[in-house]
């Protein structure tokens, strides 16, 4: 079914069309949910909540921009809402970020994607959200601050700390992996 017809049918509450839309986009949105969740169960919960919002809001979609982009925005907002309900987010840190902390590209290239995802999921919530929004979804610190109800300084600080923690986790994994390989020879 063409996307326009599928959207139109979903607007009318057609269950078959909703199932088709879910089937067509669940994988893409699930990957997005994983970025904002601590584990697979939480990601699945956010995915299902997101589709409920999508189906309830589909009449509001005006066709401006991509439909997938619209659904991704809903999914991110659903993840943030879920996070805010289930934790204390506000942390008052206002420090100047003097230099960007990046993981060495050669280290990242040697680490499997699944391990990188695991490291990102292991970040404290406030760091993981800011890292994902800034680095992976290209939001500005101003936009992040508005979305998460924090200051711009807090957004910058949380990103900085997320990168420090990620660097440590990935370097540690890489060192352990290198040690295990050298002992295996």
N, C-alpha and C. Protein backbone atom coordinates (compact mmCIF):
# COMPACT_ATOMS: atom_id res chain seq x y z
N UNK A 1 0.86 -1.18 0.00
CA UNK A 1 0.00 0.00 0.00
C UNK A 1 0.90 1.24 0.00
N UNK A 2 0.58 2.20 -0.86
CA UNK A 2 1.35 3.44 -0.90
C UNK A 2 1.20 4.18 0.41
N UNK A 3 2.23 4.93 0.76
CA UNK A 3 2.26 5.61 2.05
C UNK A 3 1.07 6.55 2.24
N UNK A 4 0.74 7.33 1.20
CA UNK A 4 -0.39 8.26 1.31
C UNK A 4 -1.69 7.53 1.64
N UNK A 5 -1.92 6.42 0.95
CA UNK A 5 -3.14 5.63 1.19
C UNK A 5 -3.11 5.02 2.59
N UNK A 6 -1.93 4.60 3.01
CA UNK A 6 -1.77 4.01 4.33
C UNK A 6 -2.08 5.03 5.42
N UNK A 7 -1.55 6.23 5.25
CA UNK A 7 -1.81 7.31 6.21
C UNK A 7 -3.30 7.64 6.25
N UNK A 8 -3.89 7.73 5.07
CA UNK A 8 -5.33 8.04 4.98
C UNK A 8 -6.16 6.97 5.69
N UNK A 9 -5.81 5.71 5.47
CA UNK A 9 -6.54 4.61 6.12
C UNK A 9 -6.34 4.64 7.64
N UNK A 10 -5.11 4.95 8.07
CA UNK A 10 -4.84 5.04 9.52
C UNK A 10 -5.64 6.17 10.15
N UNK A 11 -5.80 7.26 9.41
CA UNK A 11 -6.60 8.39 9.92
C UNK A 11 -8.05 7.98 10.16
N UNK A 12 -8.51 7.01 9.38
CA UNK A 12 -9.89 6.53 9.53
C UNK A 12 -10.00 5.44 10.59
N UNK A 13 -8.86 5.09 11.21
CA UNK A 13 -8.88 4.07 12.26
C UNK A 13 -8.84 2.65 11.74
N UNK A 14 -8.42 2.46 10.50
CA UNK A 14 -8.34 1.13 9.88
C UNK A 14 -7.25 0.31 10.57
N UNK A 15 -7.64 -0.74 11.29
CA UNK A 15 -6.71 -1.57 12.06
C UNK A 15 -5.69 -2.24 11.14
N UNK A 16 -6.13 -2.72 9.99
CA UNK A 16 -5.23 -3.38 9.04
C UNK A 16 -4.13 -2.40 8.59
N UNK A 17 -4.52 -1.17 8.32
CA UNK A 17 -3.55 -0.14 7.91
C UNK A 17 -2.59 0.18 9.05
N UNK A 18 -3.12 0.24 10.28
CA UNK A 18 -2.26 0.51 11.43
C UNK A 18 -1.23 -0.61 11.61
N UNK A 19 -1.68 -1.85 11.43
CA UNK A 19 -0.75 -2.98 11.53
C UNK A 19 0.32 -2.90 10.45
N UNK A 20 -0.08 -2.49 9.25
CA UNK A 20 0.88 -2.35 8.15
C UNK A 20 1.88 -1.25 8.45
N UNK A 21 1.40 -0.11 8.94
CA UNK A 21 2.29 1.00 9.29
C UNK A 21 3.27 0.57 10.37
N UNK A 22 2.76 -0.12 11.37
CA UNK A 22 3.61 -0.64 12.44
C UNK A 22 4.68 -1.56 11.87
N UNK A 23 4.26 -2.47 11.02
CA UNK A 23 5.18 -3.44 10.41
C UNK A 23 6.25 -2.73 9.57
N UNK A 24 5.85 -1.71 8.84
CA UNK A 24 6.77 -0.99 7.95
C UNK A 24 7.80 -0.16 8.71
N UNK A 25 7.45 0.37 9.88
CA UNK A 25 8.32 1.32 10.56
C UNK A 25 8.83 0.88 11.93
N UNK A 26 8.40 -0.27 12.41
CA UNK A 26 8.79 -0.68 13.77
C UNK A 26 10.30 -0.83 13.93
N UNK A 27 10.98 -1.37 12.93
CA UNK A 27 12.42 -1.58 13.05
C UNK A 27 13.19 -0.26 13.13
N UNK A 28 12.84 0.67 12.26
CA UNK A 28 13.51 1.98 12.24
C UNK A 28 13.30 2.70 13.57
N UNK A 29 12.07 2.68 14.05
CA UNK A 29 11.76 3.39 15.30
C UNK A 29 12.30 2.65 16.52
N UNK A 30 12.38 1.33 16.44
CA UNK A 30 12.94 0.56 17.55
C UNK A 30 14.42 0.91 17.75
N UNK A 31 15.15 1.02 16.65
CA UNK A 31 16.57 1.41 16.74
C UNK A 31 16.69 2.78 17.41
N UNK A 32 15.81 3.69 17.05
CA UNK A 32 15.79 5.01 17.68
C UNK A 32 15.48 4.88 19.17
N UNK A 33 14.51 4.04 19.51
CA UNK A 33 14.15 3.83 20.92
C UNK A 33 15.32 3.26 21.72
N UNK A 34 16.08 2.37 21.11
CA UNK A 34 17.24 1.79 21.80
C UNK A 34 18.25 2.86 22.20
N UNK A 35 18.39 3.88 21.37
CA UNK A 35 19.34 4.96 21.68
C UNK A 35 18.96 5.70 22.95
N UNK A 36 17.67 5.77 23.23
CA UNK A 36 17.20 6.56 24.36
C UNK A 36 16.81 5.71 25.56
N UNK A 37 17.04 4.43 25.50
CA UNK A 37 16.60 3.53 26.56
C UNK A 37 17.78 2.86 27.24
N UNK A 38 17.54 2.39 28.46
CA UNK A 38 18.58 1.69 29.20
C UNK A 38 18.68 0.22 28.80
N UNK A 39 17.60 -0.32 28.24
CA UNK A 39 17.59 -1.73 27.88
C UNK A 39 16.52 -2.00 26.83
N UNK A 40 16.47 -3.24 26.36
CA UNK A 40 15.53 -3.59 25.29
C UNK A 40 14.08 -3.48 25.74
N UNK A 41 13.79 -3.89 26.96
CA UNK A 41 12.40 -3.82 27.45
C UNK A 41 11.91 -2.37 27.48
N UNK A 42 12.75 -1.48 27.98
CA UNK A 42 12.37 -0.08 28.02
C UNK A 42 12.18 0.46 26.59
N UNK A 43 13.04 0.04 25.66
CA UNK A 43 12.93 0.46 24.26
C UNK A 43 11.61 -0.02 23.66
N UNK A 44 11.24 -1.26 23.96
CA UNK A 44 9.97 -1.80 23.45
C UNK A 44 8.79 -1.03 24.01
N UNK A 45 8.85 -0.68 25.29
CA UNK A 45 7.77 0.10 25.90
C UNK A 45 7.64 1.47 25.22
N UNK A 46 8.78 2.12 24.99
CA UNK A 46 8.76 3.43 24.33
C UNK A 46 8.24 3.28 22.91
N UNK A 47 8.63 2.22 22.22
CA UNK A 47 8.16 1.98 20.85
C UNK A 47 6.64 1.87 20.82
N UNK A 48 6.09 1.05 21.70
CA UNK A 48 4.64 0.87 21.72
C UNK A 48 3.92 2.16 22.12
N UNK A 49 4.46 2.87 23.09
CA UNK A 49 3.86 4.16 23.47
C UNK A 49 3.92 5.14 22.31
N UNK A 50 5.03 5.11 21.57
CA UNK A 50 5.20 6.01 20.42
C UNK A 50 4.15 5.73 19.35
N UNK A 51 3.93 4.46 19.06
CA UNK A 51 2.93 4.13 18.05
C UNK A 51 1.52 4.53 18.51
N UNK A 52 1.26 4.44 19.79
CA UNK A 52 -0.04 4.90 20.29
C UNK A 52 -0.20 6.40 20.03
N UNK A 53 0.86 7.15 20.29
CA UNK A 53 0.81 8.60 20.04
C UNK A 53 0.69 8.86 18.54
N UNK A 54 1.45 8.12 17.74
CA UNK A 54 1.39 8.28 16.28
C UNK A 54 -0.03 8.04 15.77
N UNK A 55 -0.64 6.94 16.18
CA UNK A 55 -1.99 6.63 15.71
C UNK A 55 -3.01 7.65 16.21
N UNK A 56 -2.83 8.13 17.43
CA UNK A 56 -3.76 9.13 17.97
C UNK A 56 -3.54 10.52 17.38
N UNK A 57 -2.35 10.77 16.82
CA UNK A 57 -2.01 12.09 16.30
C UNK A 57 -1.92 12.14 14.78
N UNK A 58 -2.16 11.04 14.12
CA UNK A 58 -1.91 10.97 12.68
C UNK A 58 -2.76 11.97 11.90
N UNK A 59 -3.91 12.34 12.44
CA UNK A 59 -4.75 13.34 11.78
C UNK A 59 -4.08 14.71 11.76
N UNK A 60 -3.14 14.92 12.67
CA UNK A 60 -2.43 16.20 12.75
C UNK A 60 -1.29 16.30 11.74
N UNK A 61 -0.88 15.16 11.18
CA UNK A 61 0.21 15.18 10.20
C UNK A 61 -0.30 15.87 8.93
N UNK A 62 0.36 16.95 8.54
CA UNK A 62 -0.10 17.78 7.42
C UNK A 62 0.61 17.47 6.10
N UNK A 63 1.59 16.59 6.14
CA UNK A 63 2.31 16.28 4.91
C UNK A 63 3.52 17.16 4.69
N UNK A 64 3.78 18.07 5.61
CA UNK A 64 4.99 18.91 5.51
C UNK A 64 6.16 18.11 6.07
N UNK A 65 7.18 17.91 5.29
CA UNK A 65 8.32 17.11 5.73
C UNK A 65 8.00 15.63 5.60
N UNK A 66 8.99 14.82 5.88
CA UNK A 66 8.80 13.38 5.71
C UNK A 66 7.95 12.81 6.84
N UNK A 67 7.15 11.82 6.50
CA UNK A 67 6.32 11.15 7.49
C UNK A 67 7.20 10.42 8.49
N UNK A 68 8.27 9.80 8.00
CA UNK A 68 9.19 9.09 8.89
C UNK A 68 9.83 10.06 9.89
N UNK A 69 10.22 11.23 9.41
CA UNK A 69 10.79 12.25 10.29
C UNK A 69 9.79 12.68 11.36
N UNK A 70 8.52 12.81 10.97
CA UNK A 70 7.46 13.16 11.91
C UNK A 70 7.33 12.08 12.98
N UNK A 71 7.36 10.83 12.55
CA UNK A 71 7.25 9.72 13.51
C UNK A 71 8.48 9.66 14.42
N UNK A 72 9.66 9.95 13.88
CA UNK A 72 10.88 9.94 14.70
C UNK A 72 10.80 11.01 15.78
N UNK A 73 10.30 12.18 15.41
CA UNK A 73 10.17 13.27 16.39
C UNK A 73 9.21 12.86 17.51
N UNK A 74 8.11 12.22 17.15
CA UNK A 74 7.16 11.74 18.16
C UNK A 74 7.84 10.71 19.05
N UNK A 75 8.61 9.83 18.46
CA UNK A 75 9.29 8.77 19.22
C UNK A 75 10.29 9.37 20.21
N UNK A 76 11.07 10.34 19.77
CA UNK A 76 12.02 11.00 20.66
C UNK A 76 11.28 11.70 21.80
N UNK A 77 10.21 12.41 21.46
CA UNK A 77 9.43 13.10 22.49
C UNK A 77 8.80 12.11 23.47
N UNK A 78 8.35 10.98 22.96
CA UNK A 78 7.77 9.95 23.83
C UNK A 78 8.83 9.40 24.77
N UNK A 79 10.03 9.17 24.25
CA UNK A 79 11.13 8.68 25.09
C UNK A 79 11.47 9.69 26.19
N UNK A 80 11.51 10.95 25.82
CA UNK A 80 11.81 12.00 26.80
C UNK A 80 10.71 12.08 27.86
N UNK A 81 9.46 12.04 27.43
CA UNK A 81 8.34 12.09 28.36
C UNK A 81 8.38 10.90 29.32
N UNK A 82 8.64 9.73 28.78
CA UNK A 82 8.74 8.52 29.60
C UNK A 82 9.87 8.65 30.61
N UNK A 83 10.98 9.17 30.15
CA UNK A 83 12.13 9.35 31.02
C UNK A 83 11.83 10.32 32.15
N UNK A 84 11.20 11.44 31.80
CA UNK A 84 10.89 12.45 32.82
C UNK A 84 9.93 11.90 33.87
N UNK A 85 8.99 11.07 33.44
CA UNK A 85 8.03 10.49 34.39
C UNK A 85 8.70 9.52 35.35
N UNK A 86 9.73 8.84 34.87
CA UNK A 86 10.32 7.76 35.65
C UNK A 86 11.63 8.10 36.35
N UNK A 87 12.04 9.36 36.32
CA UNK A 87 13.30 9.68 36.99
C UNK A 87 13.40 11.16 37.30
N UNK A 88 14.41 11.47 38.05
CA UNK A 88 14.72 12.86 38.34
C UNK A 88 15.80 13.28 37.37
N UNK A 89 15.47 14.25 36.53
CA UNK A 89 16.40 14.62 35.46
C UNK A 89 17.23 15.83 35.79
N UNK A 90 16.62 16.83 36.40
CA UNK A 90 17.31 18.10 36.57
C UNK A 90 18.54 17.97 37.45
N UNK A 91 19.64 18.39 36.91
CA UNK A 91 20.90 18.42 37.64
C UNK A 91 21.49 19.80 37.40
N UNK A 92 21.91 20.45 38.44
CA UNK A 92 22.39 21.80 38.31
C UNK A 92 23.91 21.82 38.18
N UNK A 93 24.35 21.84 36.96
CA UNK A 93 25.77 21.93 36.67
C UNK A 93 25.91 23.04 35.64
N UNK A 94 26.77 24.00 35.91
CA UNK A 94 26.95 25.06 34.95
C UNK A 94 28.43 25.38 34.84
N UNK A 95 29.12 24.55 34.08
CA UNK A 95 30.55 24.78 33.91
C UNK A 95 30.84 25.08 32.45
N UNK A 96 31.91 25.79 32.21
CA UNK A 96 32.32 26.10 30.85
C UNK A 96 33.03 24.88 30.27
N UNK A 97 32.63 24.49 29.08
CA UNK A 97 33.28 23.36 28.42
C UNK A 97 34.43 23.93 27.61
N UNK A 98 35.64 23.55 27.99
CA UNK A 98 36.81 24.14 27.35
C UNK A 98 37.31 23.35 26.15
N UNK A 99 37.14 22.03 26.18
CA UNK A 99 37.56 21.28 24.99
C UNK A 99 36.65 20.08 24.80
N UNK A 100 36.52 19.70 23.58
CA UNK A 100 35.67 18.57 23.24
C UNK A 100 36.43 17.28 23.53
N UNK A 101 35.74 16.33 24.13
CA UNK A 101 36.36 15.05 24.45
C UNK A 101 35.85 14.04 23.45
N UNK A 102 36.73 13.53 22.63
CA UNK A 102 36.33 12.57 21.61
C UNK A 102 37.10 11.27 21.80
N UNK A 103 36.50 10.19 21.39
CA UNK A 103 37.16 8.90 21.40
C UNK A 103 37.99 8.81 20.14
N UNK A 104 39.20 8.31 20.26
CA UNK A 104 40.10 8.12 19.12
C UNK A 104 39.40 7.26 18.07
N UNK A 105 39.39 7.75 16.82
CA UNK A 105 38.73 7.02 15.73
C UNK A 105 39.24 5.60 15.57
N UNK A 106 40.54 5.38 15.79
CA UNK A 106 41.09 4.03 15.63
C UNK A 106 40.50 3.08 16.67
N UNK A 107 40.19 3.60 17.86
CA UNK A 107 39.57 2.78 18.89
C UNK A 107 38.14 2.44 18.48
N UNK A 108 37.40 3.46 18.03
CA UNK A 108 36.01 3.25 17.63
C UNK A 108 35.92 2.25 16.49
N UNK A 109 36.83 2.34 15.52
CA UNK A 109 36.81 1.42 14.38
C UNK A 109 37.03 -0.02 14.81
N UNK A 110 37.74 -0.23 15.91
CA UNK A 110 38.06 -1.59 16.37
C UNK A 110 36.97 -2.18 17.25
N UNK A 111 35.98 -1.39 17.62
CA UNK A 111 34.95 -1.85 18.55
C UNK A 111 33.66 -2.14 17.78
N UNK A 112 33.07 -3.30 18.01
CA UNK A 112 31.81 -3.64 17.33
C UNK A 112 30.70 -2.65 17.67
N UNK A 113 29.84 -2.39 16.70
CA UNK A 113 28.74 -1.45 16.89
C UNK A 113 27.89 -1.82 18.09
N UNK A 114 27.65 -3.10 18.30
CA UNK A 114 26.83 -3.55 19.43
C UNK A 114 27.45 -3.12 20.76
N UNK A 115 28.78 -3.14 20.84
CA UNK A 115 29.47 -2.74 22.07
C UNK A 115 29.37 -1.23 22.28
N UNK A 116 29.43 -0.47 21.18
CA UNK A 116 29.28 0.99 21.28
C UNK A 116 27.87 1.32 21.76
N UNK A 117 26.87 0.65 21.19
CA UNK A 117 25.49 0.87 21.62
C UNK A 117 25.33 0.53 23.10
N UNK A 118 25.94 -0.56 23.52
CA UNK A 118 25.87 -0.97 24.93
C UNK A 118 26.51 0.10 25.82
N UNK A 119 27.61 0.67 25.37
CA UNK A 119 28.28 1.72 26.15
C UNK A 119 27.39 2.96 26.25
N UNK A 120 26.75 3.34 25.15
CA UNK A 120 25.85 4.49 25.17
C UNK A 120 24.66 4.22 26.09
N UNK A 121 24.09 3.01 26.00
CA UNK A 121 22.95 2.66 26.85
C UNK A 121 23.34 2.64 28.33
N UNK A 122 24.61 2.40 28.61
CA UNK A 122 25.08 2.34 29.98
C UNK A 122 25.35 3.69 30.61
N UNK A 123 25.26 4.74 29.81
CA UNK A 123 25.46 6.09 30.35
C UNK A 123 24.31 6.45 31.30
N UNK A 124 24.59 7.26 32.31
CA UNK A 124 23.48 7.77 33.13
C UNK A 124 22.46 8.47 32.21
N UNK A 125 21.21 8.40 32.58
CA UNK A 125 20.14 8.90 31.72
C UNK A 125 20.37 10.31 31.21
N UNK A 126 20.70 11.22 32.10
CA UNK A 126 20.84 12.62 31.69
C UNK A 126 21.94 12.79 30.65
N UNK A 127 23.00 12.00 30.74
CA UNK A 127 24.08 12.08 29.77
C UNK A 127 23.68 11.41 28.46
N UNK A 128 23.02 10.25 28.54
CA UNK A 128 22.63 9.50 27.35
C UNK A 128 21.67 10.32 26.48
N UNK A 129 20.70 10.96 27.12
CA UNK A 129 19.74 11.74 26.35
C UNK A 129 20.42 12.89 25.62
N UNK A 130 21.23 13.64 26.32
CA UNK A 130 21.90 14.78 25.69
C UNK A 130 22.85 14.29 24.59
N UNK A 131 23.60 13.24 24.86
CA UNK A 131 24.52 12.69 23.85
C UNK A 131 23.76 12.30 22.59
N UNK A 132 22.69 11.55 22.74
CA UNK A 132 21.91 11.11 21.58
C UNK A 132 21.30 12.28 20.82
N UNK A 133 20.70 13.20 21.55
CA UNK A 133 20.06 14.34 20.89
C UNK A 133 21.07 15.20 20.14
N UNK A 134 22.23 15.43 20.75
CA UNK A 134 23.22 16.31 20.13
C UNK A 134 24.03 15.59 19.04
N UNK A 135 24.61 14.46 19.40
CA UNK A 135 25.53 13.79 18.49
C UNK A 135 24.84 12.97 17.40
N UNK A 136 23.74 12.33 17.73
CA UNK A 136 23.12 11.42 16.78
C UNK A 136 21.92 12.02 16.05
N UNK A 137 21.21 12.92 16.72
CA UNK A 137 20.01 13.49 16.11
C UNK A 137 20.16 14.96 15.75
N UNK A 138 21.35 15.52 15.95
CA UNK A 138 21.72 16.86 15.49
C UNK A 138 20.88 18.01 16.04
N UNK A 139 20.45 17.90 17.29
CA UNK A 139 19.77 19.02 17.93
C UNK A 139 20.83 19.95 18.50
N UNK A 140 20.48 21.24 18.62
CA UNK A 140 21.39 22.21 19.22
C UNK A 140 21.23 22.15 20.74
N UNK A 141 22.19 22.74 21.45
CA UNK A 141 22.08 22.77 22.91
C UNK A 141 20.85 23.58 23.35
N UNK A 142 20.53 24.60 22.58
CA UNK A 142 19.33 25.39 22.92
C UNK A 142 18.08 24.52 22.80
N UNK A 143 17.98 23.76 21.72
CA UNK A 143 16.81 22.88 21.53
C UNK A 143 16.75 21.80 22.61
N UNK A 144 17.91 21.24 22.93
CA UNK A 144 17.97 20.20 23.96
C UNK A 144 17.53 20.77 25.31
N UNK A 145 18.03 21.96 25.62
CA UNK A 145 17.67 22.60 26.89
C UNK A 145 16.16 22.78 26.99
N UNK A 146 15.54 23.20 25.90
CA UNK A 146 14.08 23.39 25.90
C UNK A 146 13.35 22.06 26.03
N UNK A 147 13.81 21.04 25.33
CA UNK A 147 13.15 19.73 25.35
C UNK A 147 13.23 19.09 26.73
N UNK A 148 14.38 19.24 27.39
CA UNK A 148 14.62 18.55 28.66
C UNK A 148 14.42 19.44 29.88
N UNK A 149 14.04 20.69 29.65
CA UNK A 149 13.84 21.64 30.75
C UNK A 149 15.09 21.81 31.60
N UNK A 150 16.22 22.01 30.94
CA UNK A 150 17.49 22.28 31.62
C UNK A 150 18.11 23.51 30.99
N UNK A 151 19.17 24.02 31.58
CA UNK A 151 19.86 25.17 31.00
C UNK A 151 20.76 24.71 29.85
N UNK A 152 21.15 25.64 29.02
CA UNK A 152 22.07 25.33 27.92
C UNK A 152 23.40 24.85 28.51
N UNK A 153 23.84 25.48 29.59
CA UNK A 153 25.08 25.07 30.25
C UNK A 153 25.01 23.63 30.74
N UNK A 154 23.86 23.24 31.27
CA UNK A 154 23.69 21.86 31.73
C UNK A 154 23.75 20.90 30.55
N UNK A 155 23.14 21.28 29.43
CA UNK A 155 23.18 20.44 28.24
C UNK A 155 24.63 20.24 27.79
N UNK A 156 25.38 21.33 27.73
CA UNK A 156 26.80 21.24 27.32
C UNK A 156 27.60 20.40 28.30
N UNK A 157 27.38 20.63 29.57
CA UNK A 157 28.11 19.89 30.59
C UNK A 157 27.79 18.39 30.53
N UNK A 158 26.51 18.06 30.37
CA UNK A 158 26.12 16.65 30.30
C UNK A 158 26.69 15.98 29.06
N UNK A 159 26.78 16.71 27.95
CA UNK A 159 27.39 16.15 26.74
C UNK A 159 28.87 15.89 26.99
N UNK A 160 29.54 16.85 27.59
CA UNK A 160 30.96 16.72 27.89
C UNK A 160 31.21 15.50 28.77
N UNK A 161 30.43 15.38 29.82
CA UNK A 161 30.60 14.25 30.74
C UNK A 161 30.24 12.92 30.08
N UNK A 162 29.24 12.94 29.20
CA UNK A 162 28.89 11.72 28.46
C UNK A 162 30.06 11.25 27.62
N UNK A 163 30.72 12.19 26.96
CA UNK A 163 31.86 11.83 26.11
C UNK A 163 33.02 11.30 26.94
N UNK A 164 33.24 11.89 28.10
CA UNK A 164 34.31 11.39 28.97
C UNK A 164 34.01 9.96 29.39
N UNK A 165 32.78 9.71 29.84
CA UNK A 165 32.40 8.36 30.26
C UNK A 165 32.47 7.36 29.10
N UNK A 166 31.98 7.78 27.94
CA UNK A 166 32.04 6.89 26.77
C UNK A 166 33.48 6.57 26.41
N UNK A 167 34.32 7.60 26.41
CA UNK A 167 35.72 7.36 26.08
C UNK A 167 36.33 6.35 27.04
N UNK A 168 36.07 6.52 28.33
CA UNK A 168 36.61 5.58 29.33
C UNK A 168 36.08 4.17 29.09
N UNK A 169 34.77 4.05 28.87
CA UNK A 169 34.17 2.73 28.66
C UNK A 169 34.73 2.05 27.41
N UNK A 170 34.85 2.80 26.33
CA UNK A 170 35.31 2.22 25.07
C UNK A 170 36.80 1.90 25.11
N UNK A 171 37.58 2.77 25.74
CA UNK A 171 39.01 2.48 25.87
C UNK A 171 39.22 1.26 26.77
N UNK A 172 38.44 1.17 27.83
CA UNK A 172 38.52 0.02 28.73
C UNK A 172 38.16 -1.27 27.99
N UNK A 173 37.09 -1.23 27.22
CA UNK A 173 36.69 -2.41 26.45
C UNK A 173 37.79 -2.78 25.46
N UNK A 174 38.32 -1.77 24.78
CA UNK A 174 39.36 -2.01 23.79
C UNK A 174 40.60 -2.61 24.44
N UNK A 175 41.02 -2.07 25.58
CA UNK A 175 42.20 -2.60 26.29
C UNK A 175 41.96 -4.03 26.75
N UNK A 176 40.78 -4.30 27.31
CA UNK A 176 40.46 -5.67 27.74
C UNK A 176 40.45 -6.62 26.57
N UNK A 177 39.90 -6.17 25.47
CA UNK A 177 39.82 -7.01 24.28
C UNK A 177 41.21 -7.29 23.72
N UNK A 178 42.07 -6.27 23.72
CA UNK A 178 43.45 -6.46 23.25
C UNK A 178 44.20 -7.43 24.16
N UNK A 179 44.01 -7.27 25.48
CA UNK A 179 44.66 -8.18 26.44
C UNK A 179 44.19 -9.61 26.25
N UNK A 180 42.90 -9.79 26.05
CA UNK A 180 42.36 -11.14 25.84
C UNK A 180 42.91 -11.77 24.57
N UNK A 181 43.07 -10.96 23.52
CA UNK A 181 43.61 -11.49 22.27
C UNK A 181 45.08 -11.86 22.42
N UNK A 182 45.85 -11.03 23.17
CA UNK A 182 47.28 -11.34 23.32
C UNK A 182 47.49 -12.58 24.17
N UNK A 183 46.61 -12.81 25.15
CA UNK A 183 46.74 -14.03 25.95
C UNK A 183 46.33 -15.26 25.16
N UNK A 184 45.47 -15.05 24.18
CA UNK A 184 45.00 -16.18 23.37
C UNK A 184 46.02 -16.66 22.37
N UNK A 185 47.04 -15.85 22.09
CA UNK A 185 48.05 -16.25 21.08
C UNK A 185 49.05 -17.21 21.63
